[in-house]
C-alpha atoms as a PDB file:
ATOM      1  CA  MET A   1     -35.066   8.996  -8.880  1.00  0.00           C
ATOM      2  CA  ASN A   2     -31.959   7.594 -10.590  1.00  0.00           C
ATOM      3  CA  VAL A   3     -29.344   6.675  -7.982  1.00  0.00           C
ATOM      4  CA  LYS A   4     -26.648   6.611 -10.662  1.00  0.00           C
ATOM      5  CA  LEU A   5     -27.108  10.353 -11.178  1.00  0.00           C
ATOM      6  CA  LEU A   6     -26.693  11.025  -7.463  1.00  0.00           C
ATOM      7  CA  HIS A   7     -23.768   8.610  -6.996  1.00  0.00           C
ATOM      8  CA  PRO A   8     -22.067   8.049 -10.343  1.00  0.00           C
ATOM      9  CA  ASP A   9     -19.587   5.198 -10.664  1.00  0.00           C
ATOM     10  CA  ASP A  10     -15.872   5.838 -11.136  1.00  0.00           C
ATOM     11  CA  GLU A  11     -16.042   5.339 -14.890  1.00  0.00           C
ATOM     12  CA  SER A  12     -18.744   8.008 -15.212  1.00  0.00           C
ATOM     13  CA  LEU A  13     -16.729  10.403 -13.078  1.00  0.00           C
ATOM     14  CA  ILE A  14     -13.619   9.827 -15.209  1.00  0.00           C
ATOM     15  CA  ARG A  15     -15.577  10.554 -18.373  1.00  0.00           C
ATOM     16  CA  ARG A  16     -16.743  13.831 -16.826  1.00  0.00           C
ATOM     17  CA  ILE A  17     -13.177  14.628 -15.703  1.00  0.00           C
ATOM     18  CA  GLN A  18     -12.043  14.063 -19.290  1.00  0.00           C
ATOM     19  CA  GLU A  19     -14.569  16.772 -20.222  1.00  0.00           C
ATOM     20  CA  GLY A  20     -13.035  19.111 -17.616  1.00  0.00           C
ATOM     21  CA  SER A  21     -15.505  18.700 -14.740  1.00  0.00           C
ATOM     22  CA  HIS A  22     -14.015  19.977 -11.491  1.00  0.00           C
ATOM     23  CA  GLU A  23     -17.023  18.621  -9.587  1.00  0.00           C
ATOM     24  CA  ALA A  24     -16.430  15.091 -10.887  1.00  0.00           C
ATOM     25  CA  PHE A  25     -12.744  15.345  -9.978  1.00  0.00           C
ATOM     26  CA  ALA A  26     -13.605  16.528  -6.454  1.00  0.00           C
ATOM     27  CA  ALA A  27     -16.103  13.655  -6.087  1.00  0.00           C
ATOM     28  CA  LEU A  28     -13.501  11.091  -7.188  1.00  0.00           C
ATOM     29  CA  VAL A  29     -10.855  12.524  -4.848  1.00  0.00           C
ATOM     30  CA  ASP A  30     -13.331  12.601  -1.978  1.00  0.00           C
ATOM     31  CA  ARG A  31     -14.409   9.017  -2.669  1.00  0.00           C
ATOM     32  CA  HIS A  32     -10.941   7.489  -2.851  1.00  0.00           C
ATOM     33  CA  SER A  33      -8.311   9.692  -1.188  1.00  0.00           C
ATOM     34  CA  ASN A  34      -8.398   7.869   2.177  1.00  0.00           C
ATOM     35  CA  ARG A  35      -7.963   4.476   0.496  1.00  0.00           C
ATOM     36  CA  PHE A  36      -4.918   5.594  -1.453  1.00  0.00           C
ATOM     37  CA  TYR A  37      -3.494   7.511   1.478  1.00  0.00           C
ATOM     38  CA  ARG A  38      -3.527   4.316   3.578  1.00  0.00           C
ATOM     39  CA  ILE A  39      -1.429   2.360   1.098  1.00  0.00           C
ATOM     40  CA  ALA A  40       0.920   5.304   0.503  1.00  0.00           C
ATOM     41  CA  TYR A  41       1.450   5.729   4.231  1.00  0.00           C
ATOM     42  CA  ARG A  42       2.128   2.023   4.690  1.00  0.00           C
ATOM     43  CA  LEU A  43       4.766   2.163   1.950  1.00  0.00           C
ATOM     44  CA  VAL A  44       6.562   5.420   2.845  1.00  0.00           C
ATOM     45  CA  SER A  45       5.907   5.611   6.623  1.00  0.00           C
ATOM     46  CA  SER A  46       5.462   9.377   6.560  1.00  0.00           C
ATOM     47  CA  LYS A  47       2.160  11.228   6.847  1.00  0.00           C
ATOM     48  CA  ASP A  48       3.377  14.249   4.883  1.00  0.00           C
ATOM     49  CA  ASP A  49       5.047  12.206   2.162  1.00  0.00           C
ATOM     50  CA  ALA A  50       1.977   9.965   1.802  1.00  0.00           C
ATOM     51  CA  GLU A  51      -0.290  13.002   1.455  1.00  0.00           C
ATOM     52  CA  ASP A  52       2.055  14.520  -1.133  1.00  0.00           C
ATOM     53  CA  ILE A  53       2.179  11.280  -3.126  1.00  0.00           C
ATOM     54  CA  VAL A  54      -1.604  10.883  -3.215  1.00  0.00           C
ATOM     55  CA  GLN A  55      -1.997  14.531  -4.189  1.00  0.00           C
ATOM     56  CA  GLU A  56       0.582  14.098  -6.957  1.00  0.00           C
ATOM     57  CA  ALA A  57      -1.232  10.987  -8.236  1.00  0.00           C
ATOM     58  CA  PHE A  58      -4.581  12.790  -8.374  1.00  0.00           C
ATOM     59  CA  LEU A  59      -2.983  15.800 -10.073  1.00  0.00           C
ATOM     60  CA  LYS A  60      -1.546  13.463 -12.712  1.00  0.00           C
ATOM     61  CA  LEU A  61      -5.052  12.138 -13.252  1.00  0.00           C
ATOM     62  CA  TRP A  62      -6.421  15.673 -13.593  1.00  0.00           C
ATOM     63  CA  ASP A  63      -3.674  16.662 -16.038  1.00  0.00           C
ATOM     64  CA  ARG A  64      -3.970  13.473 -18.092  1.00  0.00           C
ATOM     65  CA  PRO A  65      -7.376  11.861 -17.485  1.00  0.00           C
ATOM     66  CA  ASN A  66      -7.140   9.844 -20.700  1.00  0.00           C
ATOM     67  CA  LEU A  67      -4.409   7.681 -19.158  1.00  0.00           C
ATOM     68  CA  TRP A  68      -7.081   5.432 -17.672  1.00  0.00           C
ATOM     69  CA  ASP A  69      -8.657   3.285 -20.353  1.00  0.00           C
ATOM     70  CA  PRO A  70     -11.856   1.527 -19.259  1.00  0.00           C
ATOM     71  CA  GLY A  71     -11.510  -0.666 -22.352  1.00  0.00           C
ATOM     72  CA  LYS A  72      -8.598  -2.468 -20.720  1.00  0.00           C
ATOM     73  CA  ARG A  73     -11.065  -3.907 -18.185  1.00  0.00           C
ATOM     74  CA  ALA A  74      -9.176  -2.691 -15.143  1.00  0.00           C
ATOM     75  CA  LYS A  75     -11.248  -1.056 -12.454  1.00  0.00           C
ATOM     76  CA  PHE A  76     -10.263   2.524 -11.790  1.00  0.00           C
ATOM     77  CA  THR A  77      -9.142   1.690  -8.251  1.00  0.00           C
ATOM     78  CA  THR A  78      -6.926  -1.187  -9.434  1.00  0.00           C
ATOM     79  CA  TRP A  79      -5.295   1.069 -12.015  1.00  0.00           C
ATOM     80  CA  PHE A  80      -4.901   3.975  -9.583  1.00  0.00           C
ATOM     81  CA  TYR A  81      -3.349   1.762  -6.879  1.00  0.00           C
ATOM     82  CA  ARG A  82      -0.605   1.062  -9.409  1.00  0.00           C
ATOM     83  CA  ILE A  83      -0.079   4.806  -9.986  1.00  0.00           C
ATOM     84  CA  VAL A  84       0.166   5.498  -6.238  1.00  0.00           C
ATOM     85  CA  ILE A  85       2.404   2.486  -5.603  1.00  0.00           C
ATOM     86  CA  ASN A  86       4.786   3.507  -8.391  1.00  0.00           C
ATOM     87  CA  LEU A  87       5.043   7.000  -6.930  1.00  0.00           C
ATOM     88  CA  CYS A  88       5.731   5.493  -3.493  1.00  0.00           C
ATOM     89  CA  LEU A  89       8.441   3.223  -4.874  1.00  0.00           C
ATOM     90  CA  ASP A  90      10.046   6.139  -6.710  1.00  0.00           C
ATOM     91  CA  HIS A  91       9.920   8.176  -3.499  1.00  0.00           C
ATOM     92  CA  CYS A  92      11.575   5.380  -1.502  1.00  0.00           C
ATOM     93  CA  LYS A  93      14.307   4.981  -4.110  1.00  0.00           C
ATOM     94  CA  LYS A  94      15.023   8.715  -4.020  1.00  0.00           C
ATOM     95  CA  LYS A  95      15.081   8.843  -0.234  1.00  0.00           C
ATOM     96  CA  LYS A  96      16.763   5.442   0.143  1.00  0.00           C
ATOM     97  CA  LEU A  97      14.691   4.894   3.245  1.00  0.00           C
ATOM     98  CA  ILE A  98      16.117   2.541   5.831  1.00  0.00           C
ATOM     99  CA  ASN A  99      13.239   1.536   8.044  1.00  0.00           C
ATOM    100  CA  LEU A 100      14.982  -0.908  10.353  1.00  0.00           C
ATOM    101  CA  PRO A 101      18.308   0.327  11.745  1.00  0.00           C
ATOM    102  CA  GLU A 102      21.158  -2.103  11.115  1.00  0.00           C
ATOM    103  CA  ASN A 103      22.286  -1.817  14.723  1.00  0.00           C
ATOM    104  CA  MET A 104      18.830  -2.650  16.097  1.00  0.00           C
ATOM    105  CA  ALA A 105      19.408  -5.407  18.627  1.00  0.00           C
ATOM    106  CA  PHE A 106      17.396  -8.572  18.479  1.00  0.00           C
ATOM    107  CA  ALA A 107      15.958 -10.039  21.656  1.00  0.00           C
ATOM    108  CA  ASP A 108      17.880 -12.280  23.985  1.00  0.00           C
ATOM    109  CA  GLU A 109      16.796 -15.898  24.277  1.00  0.00           C
ATOM    110  CA  ASN A 110      15.412 -15.125  27.775  1.00  0.00           C
ATOM    111  CA  PRO A 111      14.475 -11.463  28.055  1.00  0.00           C
ATOM    112  CA  GLU A 112      13.955  -9.852  31.437  1.00  0.00           C
ATOM    113  CA  PRO A 113      10.343  -8.814  32.171  1.00  0.00           C
ATOM    114  CA  ASP A 114      11.254  -5.126  32.159  1.00  0.00           C
ATOM    115  CA  VAL A 115      12.461  -5.298  28.535  1.00  0.00           C
ATOM    116  CA  LEU A 116       9.325  -6.929  27.162  1.00  0.00           C
ATOM    117  CA  LEU A 117       7.537  -4.661  24.741  1.00  0.00           C
ATOM    118  CA  ASP A 118       3.953  -3.580  25.152  1.00  0.00           C
ATOM    119  CA  GLY A 119       1.388  -4.215  22.427  1.00  0.00           C
ATOM    120  CA  HIS A 120       1.880  -0.849  20.737  1.00  0.00           C
ATOM    121  CA  GLN A 121       5.649  -1.227  20.636  1.00  0.00           C
ATOM    122  CA  LYS A 122       5.270  -4.721  19.178  1.00  0.00           C
ATOM    123  CA  GLN A 123       3.017  -3.337  16.450  1.00  0.00           C
ATOM    124  CA  VAL A 124       5.613  -0.657  15.629  1.00  0.00           C
ATOM    125  CA  VAL A 125       8.336  -3.291  15.367  1.00  0.00           C
ATOM    126  CA  LEU A 126       6.099  -5.479  13.184  1.00  0.00           C
ATOM    127  CA  GLU A 127       5.446  -2.504  10.897  1.00  0.00           C
ATOM    128  CA  ARG A 128       9.194  -1.959  10.588  1.00  0.00           C
ATOM    129  CA  LEU A 129       9.748  -5.628   9.828  1.00  0.00           C
ATOM    130  CA  ILE A 130       7.073  -5.447   7.112  1.00  0.00           C
ATOM    131  CA  GLN A 131       8.796  -2.370   5.673  1.00  0.00           C
ATOM    132  CA  ASP A 132      12.018  -4.392   5.530  1.00  0.00           C
ATOM    133  CA  LEU A 133      10.479  -7.098   3.312  1.00  0.00           C
ATOM    134  CA  PRO A 134      11.457  -7.204  -0.348  1.00  0.00           C
ATOM    135  CA  GLU A 135       9.369  -4.777  -2.387  1.00  0.00           C
ATOM    136  CA  ARG A 136       6.904  -7.202  -3.990  1.00  0.00           C
ATOM    137  CA  GLN A 137       6.365  -9.145  -0.750  1.00  0.00           C
ATOM    138  CA  ARG A 138       5.695  -5.870   1.078  1.00  0.00           C
ATOM    139  CA  LEU A 139       3.202  -4.862  -1.619  1.00  0.00           C
ATOM    140  CA  ALA A 140       1.424  -8.226  -1.453  1.00  0.00           C
ATOM    141  CA  VAL A 141       1.084  -8.059   2.348  1.00  0.00           C
ATOM    142  CA  ASN A 142      -0.135  -4.464   2.310  1.00  0.00           C
ATOM    143  CA  LEU A 143      -2.652  -4.946  -0.499  1.00  0.00           C
ATOM    144  CA  CYS A 144      -4.105  -8.244   0.735  1.00  0.00           C
ATOM    145  CA  PHE A 145      -4.029  -7.838   4.493  1.00  0.00           C
ATOM    146  CA  TYR A 146      -4.221  -4.106   5.116  1.00  0.00           C
ATOM    147  CA  GLU A 147      -6.202  -2.946   2.092  1.00  0.00           C
ATOM    148  CA  GLY A 148      -8.373  -6.071   2.031  1.00  0.00           C
ATOM    149  CA  LEU A 149      -8.080  -6.590  -1.712  1.00  0.00           C
ATOM    150  CA  SER A 150      -8.705  -9.983  -3.248  1.00  0.00           C
ATOM    151  CA  ASN A 151      -5.765 -12.023  -4.475  1.00  0.00           C
ATOM    152  CA  ASN A 152      -6.928 -11.378  -8.059  1.00  0.00           C
ATOM    153  CA  GLU A 153      -6.969  -7.594  -7.562  1.00  0.00           C
ATOM    154  CA  ALA A 154      -3.618  -7.547  -5.751  1.00  0.00           C
ATOM    155  CA  ALA A 155      -2.004  -9.748  -8.412  1.00  0.00           C
ATOM    156  CA  GLN A 156      -3.276  -7.421 -11.141  1.00  0.00           C
ATOM    157  CA  ILE A 157      -1.918  -4.346  -9.333  1.00  0.00           C
ATOM    158  CA  ILE A 158       1.505  -5.921  -8.748  1.00  0.00           C
ATOM    159  CA  GLY A 159       1.571  -7.379 -12.263  1.00  0.00           C
ATOM    160  CA  VAL A 160       1.885 -11.070 -11.374  1.00  0.00           C
ATOM    161  CA  LYS A 161      -0.279 -14.182 -11.636  1.00  0.00           C
ATOM    162  CA  VAL A 162      -2.362 -15.210  -8.601  1.00  0.00           C
ATOM    163  CA  LYS A 163      -0.078 -18.194  -7.883  1.00  0.00           C
ATOM    164  CA  ALA A 164       2.936 -15.868  -7.835  1.00  0.00           C
ATOM    165  CA  LEU A 165       1.090 -13.530  -5.457  1.00  0.00           C
ATOM    166  CA  GLN A 166       0.311 -16.436  -3.148  1.00  0.00           C
ATOM    167  CA  SER A 167       3.985 -17.377  -3.216  1.00  0.00           C
ATOM    168  CA  LEU A 168       4.961 -13.792  -2.349  1.00  0.00           C
ATOM    169  CA  ILE A 169       2.579 -13.823   0.607  1.00  0.00           C
ATOM    170  CA  MET A 170       3.869 -17.197   1.813  1.00  0.00           C
ATOM    171  CA  ARG A 171       7.499 -16.040   1.641  1.00  0.00           C
ATOM    172  CA  ALA A 172       6.593 -12.780   3.403  1.00  0.00           C
ATOM    173  CA  LYS A 173       4.871 -14.687   6.210  1.00  0.00           C
ATOM    174  CA  MET A 174       7.859 -17.005   6.618  1.00  0.00           C
ATOM    175  CA  THR A 175      10.290 -14.070   6.721  1.00  0.00           C
ATOM    176  CA  LEU A 176       8.133 -12.166   9.189  1.00  0.00           C
ATOM    177  CA  LYS A 177       7.722 -15.218  11.405  1.00  0.00           C
ATOM    178  CA  HIS A 178      11.485 -15.752  11.432  1.00  0.00           C
ATOM    179  CA  ASN A 179      12.263 -12.084  12.145  1.00  0.00           C
ATOM    180  CA  VAL A 180       9.573 -11.764  14.817  1.00  0.00           C
ATOM    181  CA  ARG A 181      11.064 -14.789  16.593  1.00  0.00           C
ATOM    182  CA  ARG A 182      14.534 -13.256  16.342  1.00  0.00           C
ATOM    183  CA  TYR A 183      13.328  -9.877  17.566  1.00  0.00           C
ATOM    184  CA  PHE A 184      11.067 -11.016  20.377  1.00  0.00           C
ATOM    185  CA  GLY A 185      13.054 -14.058  21.399  1.00  0.00           C
ATOM    186  CA  GLY A 186      12.367 -17.691  20.894  1.00  0.00           C
ATOM    187  CA  GLY A 187      15.315 -18.458  18.645  1.00  0.00           C
ATOM    188  CA  SER A 188      15.693 -18.468  14.884  1.00  0.00           C
ATOM    189  CA  GLN A 189      14.085 -21.799  14.048  1.00  0.00           C
END
């Protein structure tokens, strides 16, 4: 039995979508919707907005399946990440989201035990600090650390060379380290 017939690759599904196959489209959506939802959610911080963005991206693919060109040697997922990310960035520009309130107080040098945050609260603050990074740094962190993509894949999605991606990640880590120290105490070394 041919496994490829039972579980066609993305390129085969796209070719069938280009021929109008609803089944191939449903298979592609089923295969990848969670992956693209995760990155959309991390970029817009709203469940409903992330779902809408991913749905809009897949509908664009259905309406214009010839947009993806396998001859350009980009994997479907790499190409589609870019579509979803662009929609997220457009959404954020329209909404002008402010993820970290300007009046949010940073921690004292010596916080009292009752004001220390629990693990969940720390994770929420870290997520907000990541959202406050410059756009390309935020993308690099999300793609490499949360989506688990290789540096090559992430660089291709963002549209930079691998060295530039590594620089983005290094600057993001330095900024996060500085802001975490400011927020949780320990000075601003």
